[in-house]
PDB file of N, CA and C in Angstrom:
ATOM      1  N   MET A   1       0.796  -1.189   0.000  1.00  0.00           N
ATOM      2  CA  MET A   1       0.000   0.000   0.000  1.00  0.00           C
ATOM      3  C   MET A   1       0.845   1.262   0.000  1.00  0.00           C
ATOM      4  N   ALA A   2       1.962   1.220   0.730  1.00  0.00           N
ATOM      5  CA  ALA A   2       2.817   2.392   0.811  1.00  0.00           C
ATOM      6  C   ALA A   2       3.398   2.711  -0.559  1.00  0.00           C
ATOM      7  N   PHE A   3       3.716   1.648  -1.303  1.00  0.00           N
ATOM      8  CA  PHE A   3       4.269   1.844  -2.644  1.00  0.00           C
ATOM      9  C   PHE A   3       3.231   2.491  -3.560  1.00  0.00           C
ATOM     10  N   SER A   4       2.004   2.056  -3.452  1.00  0.00           N
ATOM     11  CA  SER A   4       0.925   2.579  -4.281  1.00  0.00           C
ATOM     12  C   SER A   4       0.670   4.054  -3.982  1.00  0.00           C
ATOM     13  N   SER A   5       0.669   4.421  -2.714  1.00  0.00           N
ATOM     14  CA  SER A   5       0.413   5.815  -2.369  1.00  0.00           C
ATOM     15  C   SER A   5       1.615   6.682  -2.739  1.00  0.00           C
ATOM     16  N   ASP A   6       2.834   6.152  -2.664  1.00  0.00           N
ATOM     17  CA  ASP A   6       4.035   6.892  -3.069  1.00  0.00           C
ATOM     18  C   ASP A   6       4.031   7.129  -4.583  1.00  0.00           C
ATOM     19  N   ALA A   7       3.668   6.105  -5.339  1.00  0.00           N
ATOM     20  CA  ALA A   7       3.595   6.230  -6.796  1.00  0.00           C
ATOM     21  C   ALA A   7       2.511   7.228  -7.187  1.00  0.00           C
ATOM     22  N   ARG A   8       1.390   7.169  -6.489  1.00  0.00           N
ATOM     23  CA  ARG A   8       0.302   8.099  -6.783  1.00  0.00           C
ATOM     24  C   ARG A   8       0.735   9.534  -6.464  1.00  0.00           C
ATOM     25  N   GLY A   9       1.468   9.733  -5.381  1.00  0.00           N
ATOM     26  CA  GLY A   9       1.960  11.065  -5.013  1.00  0.00           C
ATOM     27  C   GLY A   9       2.925  11.608  -6.050  1.00  0.00           C
ATOM     28  N   LYS A  10       3.806  10.753  -6.556  1.00  0.00           N
ATOM     29  CA  LYS A  10       4.749  11.184  -7.596  1.00  0.00           C
ATOM     30  C   LYS A  10       4.015  11.515  -8.889  1.00  0.00           C
ATOM     31  N   ALA A  11       3.020  10.718  -9.222  1.00  0.00           N
ATOM     32  CA  ALA A  11       2.242  10.991 -10.425  1.00  0.00           C
ATOM     33  C   ALA A  11       1.496  12.315 -10.288  1.00  0.00           C
ATOM     34  N   ASP A  12       0.955  12.576  -9.111  1.00  0.00           N
ATOM     35  CA  ASP A  12       0.259  13.842  -8.882  1.00  0.00           C
ATOM     36  C   ASP A  12       1.227  15.018  -8.963  1.00  0.00           C
ATOM     37  N   ASP A  13       2.453  14.837  -8.418  1.00  0.00           N
ATOM     38  CA  ASP A  13       3.472  15.893  -8.498  1.00  0.00           C
ATOM     39  C   ASP A  13       3.851  16.164  -9.952  1.00  0.00           C
ATOM     40  N   ALA A  14       4.034  15.087 -10.711  1.00  0.00           N
ATOM     41  CA  ALA A  14       4.386  15.243 -12.126  1.00  0.00           C
ATOM     42  C   ALA A  14       3.250  15.956 -12.869  1.00  0.00           C
ATOM     43  N   GLN A  15       2.028  15.580 -12.578  1.00  0.00           N
ATOM     44  CA  GLN A  15       0.867  16.215 -13.217  1.00  0.00           C
ATOM     45  C   GLN A  15       0.807  17.699 -12.866  1.00  0.00           C
ATOM     46  N   ALA A  16       1.091  18.044 -11.627  1.00  0.00           N
ATOM     47  CA  ALA A  16       1.081  19.448 -11.202  1.00  0.00           C
ATOM     48  C   ALA A  16       2.192  20.226 -11.897  1.00  0.00           C
ATOM     49  N   GLN A  17       3.358  19.618 -12.038  1.00  0.00           N
ATOM     50  CA  GLN A  17       4.464  20.285 -12.725  1.00  0.00           C
ATOM     51  C   GLN A  17       4.128  20.509 -14.199  1.00  0.00           C
ATOM     52  N   ILE A  18       3.525  19.515 -14.820  1.00  0.00           N
ATOM     53  CA  ILE A  18       3.129  19.659 -16.216  1.00  0.00           C
ATOM     54  C   ILE A  18       2.113  20.789 -16.363  1.00  0.00           C
ATOM     55  N   GLU A  19       1.178  20.871 -15.459  1.00  0.00           N
ATOM     56  CA  GLU A  19       0.172  21.928 -15.505  1.00  0.00           C
ATOM     57  C   GLU A  19       0.810  23.310 -15.335  1.00  0.00           C
ATOM     58  N   ARG A  20       1.777  23.425 -14.410  1.00  0.00           N
ATOM     59  CA  ARG A  20       2.467  24.706 -14.227  1.00  0.00           C
ATOM     60  C   ARG A  20       3.257  25.083 -15.475  1.00  0.00           C
ATOM     61  N   LEU A  21       3.933  24.106 -16.088  1.00  0.00           N
ATOM     62  CA  LEU A  21       4.676  24.386 -17.321  1.00  0.00           C
ATOM     63  C   LEU A  21       3.738  24.831 -18.443  1.00  0.00           C
ATOM     64  N   ARG A  22       2.593  24.183 -18.565  1.00  0.00           N
ATOM     65  CA  ARG A  22       1.624  24.565 -19.581  1.00  0.00           C
ATOM     66  C   ARG A  22       1.156  25.999 -19.367  1.00  0.00           C
ATOM     67  N   GLU A  23       0.889  26.369 -18.128  1.00  0.00           N
ATOM     68  CA  GLU A  23       0.467  27.736 -17.815  1.00  0.00           C
ATOM     69  C   GLU A  23       1.567  28.737 -18.139  1.00  0.00           C
ATOM     70  N   GLN A  24       2.821  28.371 -17.859  1.00  0.00           N
ATOM     71  CA  GLN A  24       3.939  29.265 -18.166  1.00  0.00           C
ATOM     72  C   GLN A  24       4.089  29.453 -19.675  1.00  0.00           C
ATOM     73  N   VAL A  25       3.949  28.371 -20.422  1.00  0.00           N
ATOM     74  CA  VAL A  25       4.045  28.471 -21.886  1.00  0.00           C
ATOM     75  C   VAL A  25       2.920  29.342 -22.423  1.00  0.00           C
ATOM     76  N   GLU A  26       1.720  29.155 -21.929  1.00  0.00           N
ATOM     77  CA  GLU A  26       0.594  29.984 -22.359  1.00  0.00           C
ATOM     78  C   GLU A  26       0.835  31.456 -22.035  1.00  0.00           C
ATOM     79  N   ALA A  27       1.391  31.732 -20.860  1.00  0.00           N
ATOM     80  CA  ALA A  27       1.674  33.117 -20.478  1.00  0.00           C
ATOM     81  C   ALA A  27       2.727  33.724 -21.400  1.00  0.00           C
ATOM     82  N   LEU A  28       3.772  32.952 -21.723  1.00  0.00           N
ATOM     83  CA  LEU A  28       4.801  33.447 -22.645  1.00  0.00           C
ATOM     84  C   LEU A  28       4.216  33.728 -24.023  1.00  0.00           C
ATOM     85  N   MET A  29       3.391  32.834 -24.501  1.00  0.00           N
ATOM     86  CA  MET A  29       2.759  33.044 -25.805  1.00  0.00           C
ATOM     87  C   MET A  29       1.914  34.320 -25.786  1.00  0.00           C
ATOM     88  N   LYS A  30       1.162  34.490 -24.723  1.00  0.00           N
ATOM     89  CA  LYS A  30       0.271  35.647 -24.622  1.00  0.00           C
ATOM     90  C   LYS A  30       1.062  36.944 -24.482  1.00  0.00           C
ATOM     91  N   ASP A  31       2.116  36.927 -23.685  1.00  0.00           N
ATOM     92  CA  ASP A  31       2.847  38.154 -23.377  1.00  0.00           C
ATOM     93  C   ASP A  31       3.895  38.525 -24.419  1.00  0.00           C
ATOM     94  N   ARG A  32       4.497  37.544 -25.058  1.00  0.00           N
ATOM     95  CA  ARG A  32       5.629  37.859 -25.930  1.00  0.00           C
ATOM     96  C   ARG A  32       5.407  37.503 -27.388  1.00  0.00           C
ATOM     97  N   VAL A  33       4.990  36.299 -27.662  1.00  0.00           N
ATOM     98  CA  VAL A  33       4.917  35.838 -29.043  1.00  0.00           C
ATOM     99  C   VAL A  33       3.770  36.505 -29.798  1.00  0.00           C
ATOM    100  N   THR A  34       2.595  36.528 -29.213  1.00  0.00           N
ATOM    101  CA  THR A  34       1.437  37.096 -29.902  1.00  0.00           C
ATOM    102  C   THR A  34       1.643  38.569 -30.259  1.00  0.00           C
ATOM    103  N   PRO A  35       2.128  39.423 -29.331  1.00  0.00           N
ATOM    104  CA  PRO A  35       2.372  40.822 -29.731  1.00  0.00           C
ATOM    105  C   PRO A  35       3.457  40.953 -30.807  1.00  0.00           C
ATOM    106  N   ALA A  36       4.486  40.114 -30.744  1.00  0.00           N
ATOM    107  CA  ALA A  36       5.545  40.176 -31.754  1.00  0.00           C
ATOM    108  C   ALA A  36       5.004  39.799 -33.127  1.00  0.00           C
ATOM    109  N   VAL A  37       4.185  38.774 -33.189  1.00  0.00           N
ATOM    110  CA  VAL A  37       3.587  38.359 -34.454  1.00  0.00           C
ATOM    111  C   VAL A  37       2.651  39.444 -34.978  1.00  0.00           C
ATOM    112  N   ALA A  38       1.877  40.029 -34.103  1.00  0.00           N
ATOM    113  CA  ALA A  38       0.962  41.099 -34.517  1.00  0.00           C
ATOM    114  C   ALA A  38       1.739  42.308 -35.039  1.00  0.00           C
ATOM    115  N   ASP A  39       2.846  42.646 -34.373  1.00  0.00           N
ATOM    116  CA  ASP A  39       3.681  43.764 -34.819  1.00  0.00           C
ATOM    117  C   ASP A  39       4.276  43.469 -36.189  1.00  0.00           C
ATOM    118  N   PHE A  40       4.786  42.262 -36.364  1.00  0.00           N
ATOM    119  CA  PHE A  40       5.359  41.875 -37.654  1.00  0.00           C
ATOM    120  C   PHE A  40       4.301  41.916 -38.750  1.00  0.00           C
ATOM    121  N   ALA A  41       3.108  41.424 -38.457  1.00  0.00           N
ATOM    122  CA  ALA A  41       2.035  41.433 -39.450  1.00  0.00           C
ATOM    123  C   ALA A  41       1.671  42.866 -39.837  1.00  0.00           C
ATOM    124  N   GLY A  42       1.652  43.752 -38.861  1.00  0.00           N
ATOM    125  CA  GLY A  42       1.360  45.152 -39.157  1.00  0.00           C
ATOM    126  C   GLY A  42       2.413  45.794 -40.036  1.00  0.00           C
ATOM    127  N   ARG A  43       3.676  45.495 -39.728  1.00  0.00           N
ATOM    128  CA  ARG A  43       4.749  46.048 -40.560  1.00  0.00           C
ATOM    129  C   ARG A  43       4.744  45.460 -41.969  1.00  0.00           C
ATOM    130  N   ALA A  44       4.456  44.174 -42.079  1.00  0.00           N
ATOM    131  CA  ALA A  44       4.388  43.540 -43.396  1.00  0.00           C
ATOM    132  C   ALA A  44       3.244  44.131 -44.218  1.00  0.00           C
ATOM    133  N   GLU A  45       2.112  44.362 -43.578  1.00  0.00           N
ATOM    134  CA  GLU A  45       0.978  44.957 -44.277  1.00  0.00           C
ATOM    135  C   GLU A  45       1.299  46.370 -44.737  1.00  0.00           C
ATOM    136  N   SER A  46       1.997  47.116 -43.901  1.00  0.00           N
ATOM    137  CA  SER A  46       2.390  48.480 -44.270  1.00  0.00           C
ATOM    138  C   SER A  46       3.359  48.471 -45.453  1.00  0.00           C
ATOM    139  N   ALA A  47       4.333  47.559 -45.409  1.00  0.00           N
ATOM    140  CA  ALA A  47       5.303  47.453 -46.513  1.00  0.00           C
ATOM    141  C   ALA A  47       4.596  47.041 -47.803  1.00  0.00           C
ATOM    142  N   TYR A  48       3.653  46.126 -47.692  1.00  0.00           N
ATOM    143  CA  TYR A  48       2.888  45.702 -48.864  1.00  0.00           C
ATOM    144  C   TYR A  48       2.120  46.876 -49.458  1.00  0.00           C
ATOM    145  N   GLY A  49       1.488  47.657 -48.604  1.00  0.00           N
ATOM    146  CA  GLY A  49       0.736  48.812 -49.083  1.00  0.00           C
ATOM    147  C   GLY A  49       1.631  49.828 -49.775  1.00  0.00           C
ATOM    148  N   THR A  50       2.793  50.059 -49.207  1.00  0.00           N
ATOM    149  CA  THR A  50       3.743  50.996 -49.810  1.00  0.00           C
ATOM    150  C   THR A  50       4.230  50.492 -51.166  1.00  0.00           C
ATOM    151  N   ALA A  51       4.598  49.227 -51.226  1.00  0.00           N
ATOM    152  CA  ALA A  51       5.080  48.642 -52.483  1.00  0.00           C
ATOM    153  C   ALA A  51       3.978  48.636 -53.529  1.00  0.00           C
ATOM    154  N   ARG A  52       2.775  48.300 -53.117  1.00  0.00           N
ATOM    155  CA  ARG A  52       1.657  48.267 -54.045  1.00  0.00           C
ATOM    156  C   ARG A  52       1.405  49.655 -54.620  1.00  0.00           C
ATOM    157  N   GLY A  53       1.475  50.677 -53.771  1.00  0.00           N
ATOM    158  CA  GLY A  53       1.281  52.042 -54.242  1.00  0.00           C
ATOM    159  C   GLY A  53       2.354  52.461 -55.233  1.00  0.00           C
ATOM    160  N   ALA A  54       3.607  52.087 -54.958  1.00  0.00           N
ATOM    161  CA  ALA A  54       4.702  52.442 -55.862  1.00  0.00           C
ATOM    162  C   ALA A  54       4.550  51.736 -57.210  1.00  0.00           C
ATOM    163  N   VAL A  55       4.192  50.472 -57.184  1.00  0.00           N
ATOM    164  CA  VAL A  55       4.007  49.723 -58.436  1.00  0.00           C
ATOM    165  C   VAL A  55       2.845  50.304 -59.228  1.00  0.00           C
ATOM    166  N   GLN A  56       1.762  50.629 -58.554  1.00  0.00           N
ATOM    167  CA  GLN A  56       0.610  51.209 -59.239  1.00  0.00           C
ATOM    168  C   GLN A  56       0.972  52.554 -59.867  1.00  0.00           C
ATOM    169  N   GLN A  57       1.745  53.344 -59.142  1.00  0.00           N
ATOM    170  CA  GLN A  57       2.169  54.647 -59.661  1.00  0.00           C
ATOM    171  C   GLN A  57       3.041  54.469 -60.904  1.00  0.00           C
ATOM    172  N   GLN A  58       3.979  53.536 -60.864  1.00  0.00           N
ATOM    173  CA  GLN A  58       4.841  53.291 -62.023  1.00  0.00           C
ATOM    174  C   GLN A  58       4.032  52.773 -63.211  1.00  0.00           C
ATOM    175  N   ALA A  59       3.077  51.879 -62.948  1.00  0.00           N
ATOM    176  CA  ALA A  59       2.244  51.355 -64.031  1.00  0.00           C
ATOM    177  C   ALA A  59       1.414  52.467 -64.666  1.00  0.00           C
ATOM    178  N   ASP A  60       0.886  53.346 -63.850  1.00  0.00           N
ATOM    179  CA  ASP A  60       0.122  54.477 -64.378  1.00  0.00           C
ATOM    180  C   ASP A  60       1.003  55.394 -65.219  1.00  0.00           C
ATOM    181  N   MET A  61       2.236  55.606 -64.764  1.00  0.00           N
ATOM    182  CA  MET A  61       3.162  56.459 -65.508  1.00  0.00           C
ATOM    183  C   MET A  61       3.488  55.844 -66.874  1.00  0.00           C
ATOM    184  N   VAL A  62       3.785  54.548 -66.891  1.00  0.00           N
ATOM    185  CA  VAL A  62       4.110  53.875 -68.154  1.00  0.00           C
ATOM    186  C   VAL A  62       2.894  53.887 -69.075  1.00  0.00           C
ATOM    187  N   SER A  63       1.733  53.631 -68.517  1.00  0.00           N
ATOM    188  CA  SER A  63       0.511  53.639 -69.320  1.00  0.00           C
ATOM    189  C   SER A  63       0.275  55.013 -69.945  1.00  0.00           C
ATOM    190  N   GLY A  64       0.514  56.053 -69.188  1.00  0.00           N
ATOM    191  CA  GLY A  64       0.364  57.409 -69.713  1.00  0.00           C
ATOM    192  C   GLY A  64       1.354  57.695 -70.823  1.00  0.00           C
ATOM    193  N   ARG A  65       2.587  57.219 -70.653  1.00  0.00           N
ATOM    194  CA  ARG A  65       3.609  57.425 -71.698  1.00  0.00           C
ATOM    195  C   ARG A  65       3.248  56.685 -72.975  1.00  0.00           C
ATOM    196  N   VAL A  66       2.710  55.464 -72.837  1.00  0.00           N
ATOM    197  CA  VAL A  66       2.317  54.688 -74.009  1.00  0.00           C
ATOM    198  C   VAL A  66       1.178  55.391 -74.745  1.00  0.00           C
ATOM    199  N   ARG A  67       0.246  55.962 -73.989  1.00  0.00           N
ATOM    200  CA  ARG A  67      -0.856  56.696 -74.630  1.00  0.00           C
ATOM    201  C   ARG A  67      -0.351  57.956 -75.340  1.00  0.00           C
ATOM    202  N   GLN A  68       0.649  58.610 -74.770  1.00  0.00           N
ATOM    203  CA  GLN A  68       1.181  59.834 -75.365  1.00  0.00           C
ATOM    204  C   GLN A  68       2.019  59.534 -76.603  1.00  0.00           C
ATOM    205  N   GLN A  69       2.781  58.451 -76.550  1.00  0.00           N
ATOM    206  CA  GLN A  69       3.706  58.126 -77.642  1.00  0.00           C
ATOM    207  C   GLN A  69       3.578  56.644 -78.026  1.00  0.00           C
ATOM    208  N   PRO A  70       2.494  56.269 -78.678  1.00  0.00           N
ATOM    209  CA  PRO A  70       2.289  54.853 -78.993  1.00  0.00           C
ATOM    210  C   PRO A  70       3.331  54.290 -79.960  1.00  0.00           C
ATOM    211  N   LEU A  71       3.779  55.073 -80.923  1.00  0.00           N
ATOM    212  CA  LEU A  71       4.769  54.589 -81.871  1.00  0.00           C
ATOM    213  C   LEU A  71       6.089  54.270 -81.163  1.00  0.00           C
ATOM    214  N   MET A  72       6.499  55.143 -80.263  1.00  0.00           N
ATOM    215  CA  MET A  72       7.737  54.915 -79.507  1.00  0.00           C
ATOM    216  C   MET A  72       7.599  53.657 -78.647  1.00  0.00           C
ATOM    217  N   ALA A  73       6.427  53.434 -78.066  1.00  0.00           N
ATOM    218  CA  ALA A  73       6.195  52.245 -77.246  1.00  0.00           C
ATOM    219  C   ALA A  73       6.323  50.978 -78.086  1.00  0.00           C
ATOM    220  N   ILE A  74       5.805  51.013 -79.304  1.00  0.00           N
ATOM    221  CA  ILE A  74       5.900  49.853 -80.188  1.00  0.00           C
ATOM    222  C   ILE A  74       7.355  49.591 -80.563  1.00  0.00           C
ATOM    223  N   ILE A  75       8.096  50.641 -80.856  1.00  0.00           N
ATOM    224  CA  ILE A  75       9.509  50.492 -81.222  1.00  0.00           C
ATOM    225  C   ILE A  75      10.307  49.919 -80.047  1.00  0.00           C
ATOM    226  N   ILE A  76      10.058  50.433 -78.855  1.00  0.00           N
ATOM    227  CA  ILE A  76      10.776  49.939 -77.668  1.00  0.00           C
ATOM    228  C   ILE A  76      10.411  48.481 -77.406  1.00  0.00           C
ATOM    229  N   ALA A  77       9.128  48.133 -77.520  1.00  0.00           N
ATOM    230  CA  ALA A  77       8.702  46.754 -77.288  1.00  0.00           C
ATOM    231  C   ALA A  77       9.337  45.819 -78.312  1.00  0.00           C
ATOM    232  N   ALA A  78       9.408  46.247 -79.561  1.00  0.00           N
ATOM    233  CA  ALA A  78      10.027  45.427 -80.600  1.00  0.00           C
ATOM    234  C   ALA A  78      11.518  45.249 -80.324  1.00  0.00           C
ATOM    235  N   ALA A  79      12.186  46.310 -79.904  1.00  0.00           N
ATOM    236  CA  ALA A  79      13.624  46.215 -79.610  1.00  0.00           C
ATOM    237  C   ALA A  79      13.880  45.280 -78.427  1.00  0.00           C
ATOM    238  N   VAL A  80      13.071  45.410 -77.397  1.00  0.00           N
ATOM    239  CA  VAL A  80      13.230  44.528 -76.237  1.00  0.00           C
ATOM    240  C   VAL A  80      12.969  43.080 -76.638  1.00  0.00           C
ATOM    241  N   GLY A  81      11.940  42.851 -77.441  1.00  0.00           N
ATOM    242  CA  GLY A  81      11.647  41.501 -77.918  1.00  0.00           C
ATOM    243  C   GLY A  81      12.780  40.931 -78.738  1.00  0.00           C
ATOM    244  N   TRP A  82      13.379  41.752 -79.586  1.00  0.00           N
ATOM    245  CA  TRP A  82      14.500  41.294 -80.406  1.00  0.00           C
ATOM    246  C   TRP A  82      15.692  40.922 -79.523  1.00  0.00           C
ATOM    247  N   VAL A  83      16.005  41.777 -78.532  1.00  0.00           N
ATOM    248  CA  VAL A  83      17.136  41.505 -77.627  1.00  0.00           C
ATOM    249  C   VAL A  83      16.885  40.228 -76.830  1.00  0.00           C
ATOM    250  N   VAL A  84      15.694  40.066 -76.326  1.00  0.00           N
ATOM    251  CA  VAL A  84      15.385  38.844 -75.553  1.00  0.00           C
ATOM    252  C   VAL A  84      15.456  37.628 -76.475  1.00  0.00           C
ATOM    253  N   GLY A  85      14.950  37.754 -77.685  1.00  0.00           N
ATOM    254  CA  GLY A  85      14.999  36.654 -78.643  1.00  0.00           C
ATOM    255  C   GLY A  85      16.424  36.266 -78.986  1.00  0.00           C
ATOM    256  N   ARG A  86      17.289  37.238 -79.159  1.00  0.00           N
ATOM    257  CA  ARG A  86      18.711  36.955 -79.449  1.00  0.00           C
ATOM    258  C   ARG A  86      19.385  36.306 -78.249  1.00  0.00           C
ATOM    259  N   ALA A  87      19.026  36.739 -77.074  1.00  0.00           N
ATOM    260  CA  ALA A  87      19.636  36.188 -75.853  1.00  0.00           C
ATOM    261  C   ALA A  87      19.188  34.752 -75.602  1.00  0.00           C
ATOM    262  N   MET A  88      18.003  34.387 -76.072  1.00  0.00           N
ATOM    263  CA  MET A  88      17.461  33.049 -75.832  1.00  0.00           C
ATOM    264  C   MET A  88      18.018  32.004 -76.805  1.00  0.00           C
ATOM    265  N   ARG A  89      18.690  32.415 -77.858  1.00  0.00           N
ATOM    266  CA  ARG A  89      19.212  31.462 -78.840  1.00  0.00           C
ATOM    267  C   ARG A  89      20.318  30.665 -78.317  1.00  0.00           C
TER     268      ARG A  89
END
């Protein structure tokens, strides 16, 4: 009987330690990891918005230039196509 109660006491101690460790991990996740991930997500979203705006601005500029000078756009596109075609041989 003494062995059984000793084993049960050790099992209860181990269970209590596991529960305390789980609570500590949850506290660390709540206090440190979650805010860091949220901060990173916010910065990534901001960078995406900035990059998207810059790309849109450049696309609008190129589109405006093509509308203003369509012949020049065709000549440039043909030259680029020729250079890429020569490079691919």
